[in-house]
Amino acid sequence: MNIIKTNNETSTVTVELEWFELDHFIKEYDENAGRYLRDNDLERAMFWAKRSKQLRETRTELVGK
């Protein structure tokens, strides 16, 4: 992962990822959603599920798979 830009005012970091790294984050976010769902914390479960979905959609747009 290469850090391209950081912005302390907005607390954001722009990075360059390999496909396998993106897949890793998708898996981690799905696992987080599942863990919070098992704990009956629907708000956090939905937060992580939405993040995972966003990454999957981005990957699909870029790769077409």
C-alpha atoms as a PDB file:
ATOM      1  CA  MET A   1       0.000   0.000   0.000  1.00  0.00           C
ATOM      2  CA  ASN A   2       1.383   3.375  -1.003  1.00  0.00           C
ATOM      3  CA  ILE A   3       0.236   6.515   0.789  1.00  0.00           C
ATOM      4  CA  ILE A   4      -0.420   9.180  -1.798  1.00  0.00           C
ATOM      5  CA  LYS A   5      -1.871  12.020   0.266  1.00  0.00           C
ATOM      6  CA  THR A   6      -2.920  12.762   3.844  1.00  0.00           C
ATOM      7  CA  ASN A   7      -5.282  15.469   5.044  1.00  0.00           C
ATOM      8  CA  ASN A   8      -5.297  16.145   8.773  1.00  0.00           C
ATOM      9  CA  GLU A   9      -8.192  18.608   8.534  1.00  0.00           C
ATOM     10  CA  THR A  10     -10.592  15.973   7.209  1.00  0.00           C
ATOM     11  CA  SER A  11      -8.819  12.969   8.777  1.00  0.00           C
ATOM     12  CA  THR A  12      -8.452  11.236   5.407  1.00  0.00           C
ATOM     13  CA  VAL A  13      -5.682   9.320   3.700  1.00  0.00           C
ATOM     14  CA  THR A  14      -5.506   8.563  -0.011  1.00  0.00           C
ATOM     15  CA  VAL A  15      -3.717   5.289  -0.767  1.00  0.00           C
ATOM     16  CA  GLU A  16      -2.857   3.098  -3.709  1.00  0.00           C
ATOM     17  CA  LEU A  17      -3.896  -0.528  -3.154  1.00  0.00           C
ATOM     18  CA  GLU A  18      -3.275  -3.806  -4.899  1.00  0.00           C
ATOM     19  CA  TRP A  19      -6.355  -5.906  -5.673  1.00  0.00           C
ATOM     20  CA  PHE A  20      -5.553  -8.441  -2.969  1.00  0.00           C
ATOM     21  CA  GLU A  21      -5.331  -5.611  -0.409  1.00  0.00           C
ATOM     22  CA  LEU A  22      -8.751  -4.331  -1.438  1.00  0.00           C
ATOM     23  CA  ASP A  23     -10.129  -7.866  -1.119  1.00  0.00           C
ATOM     24  CA  HIS A  24      -8.596  -8.047   2.359  1.00  0.00           C
ATOM     25  CA  PHE A  25     -10.463  -4.911   3.456  1.00  0.00           C
ATOM     26  CA  ILE A  26     -13.736  -6.212   2.000  1.00  0.00           C
ATOM     27  CA  LYS A  27     -13.308  -9.430   3.984  1.00  0.00           C
ATOM     28  CA  GLU A  28     -12.410  -7.542   7.181  1.00  0.00           C
ATOM     29  CA  TYR A  29     -15.425  -5.250   6.843  1.00  0.00           C
ATOM     30  CA  ASP A  30     -17.725  -8.248   6.275  1.00  0.00           C
ATOM     31  CA  GLU A  31     -16.298  -9.929   9.380  1.00  0.00           C
ATOM     32  CA  ASN A  32     -16.800  -6.747  11.421  1.00  0.00           C
ATOM     33  CA  ALA A  33     -20.421  -6.548  10.249  1.00  0.00           C
ATOM     34  CA  GLY A  34     -21.008 -10.170  11.218  1.00  0.00           C
ATOM     35  CA  ARG A  35     -19.450  -9.731  14.631  1.00  0.00           C
ATOM     36  CA  TYR A  36     -21.579  -6.691  15.446  1.00  0.00           C
ATOM     37  CA  LEU A  37     -24.673  -8.417  14.108  1.00  0.00           C
ATOM     38  CA  ARG A  38     -24.048 -11.357  16.447  1.00  0.00           C
ATOM     39  CA  ASP A  39     -23.714  -8.836  19.283  1.00  0.00           C
ATOM     40  CA  ASN A  40     -27.099  -7.320  18.256  1.00  0.00           C
ATOM     41  CA  ASP A  41     -25.472  -3.961  17.495  1.00  0.00           C
ATOM     42  CA  LEU A  42     -27.366  -3.249  14.281  1.00  0.00           C
ATOM     43  CA  GLU A  43     -26.053   0.288  13.870  1.00  0.00           C
ATOM     44  CA  ARG A  44     -22.409  -0.810  13.771  1.00  0.00           C
ATOM     45  CA  ALA A  45     -23.243  -3.911  11.729  1.00  0.00           C
ATOM     46  CA  MET A  46     -24.895  -1.745   9.068  1.00  0.00           C
ATOM     47  CA  PHE A  47     -21.974   0.709   9.135  1.00  0.00           C
ATOM     48  CA  TRP A  48     -19.478  -2.047   8.267  1.00  0.00           C
ATOM     49  CA  ALA A  49     -21.844  -3.738   5.798  1.00  0.00           C
ATOM     50  CA  LYS A  50     -22.237  -0.444   3.902  1.00  0.00           C
ATOM     51  CA  ARG A  51     -18.472   0.087   3.824  1.00  0.00           C
ATOM     52  CA  SER A  52     -17.958  -3.424   2.488  1.00  0.00           C
ATOM     53  CA  LYS A  53     -20.626  -2.893  -0.166  1.00  0.00           C
ATOM     54  CA  GLN A  54     -18.997   0.375  -1.272  1.00  0.00           C
ATOM     55  CA  LEU A  55     -15.643  -1.338  -1.723  1.00  0.00           C
ATOM     56  CA  ARG A  56     -17.224  -4.257  -3.602  1.00  0.00           C
ATOM     57  CA  GLU A  57     -19.023  -1.841  -5.937  1.00  0.00           C
ATOM     58  CA  THR A  58     -15.807   0.084  -6.549  1.00  0.00           C
ATOM     59  CA  ARG A  59     -13.946  -3.133  -7.316  1.00  0.00           C
ATOM     60  CA  THR A  60     -16.716  -4.204  -9.727  1.00  0.00           C
ATOM     61  CA  GLU A  61     -16.596  -0.844 -11.522  1.00  0.00           C
ATOM     62  CA  LEU A  62     -12.841  -1.036 -11.965  1.00  0.00           C
ATOM     63  CA  VAL A  63     -12.447  -4.699 -12.804  1.00  0.00           C
ATOM     64  CA  GLY A  64     -15.851  -5.701 -14.122  1.00  0.00           C
ATOM     65  CA  LYS A  65     -16.054  -8.854 -12.001  1.00  0.00           C
END
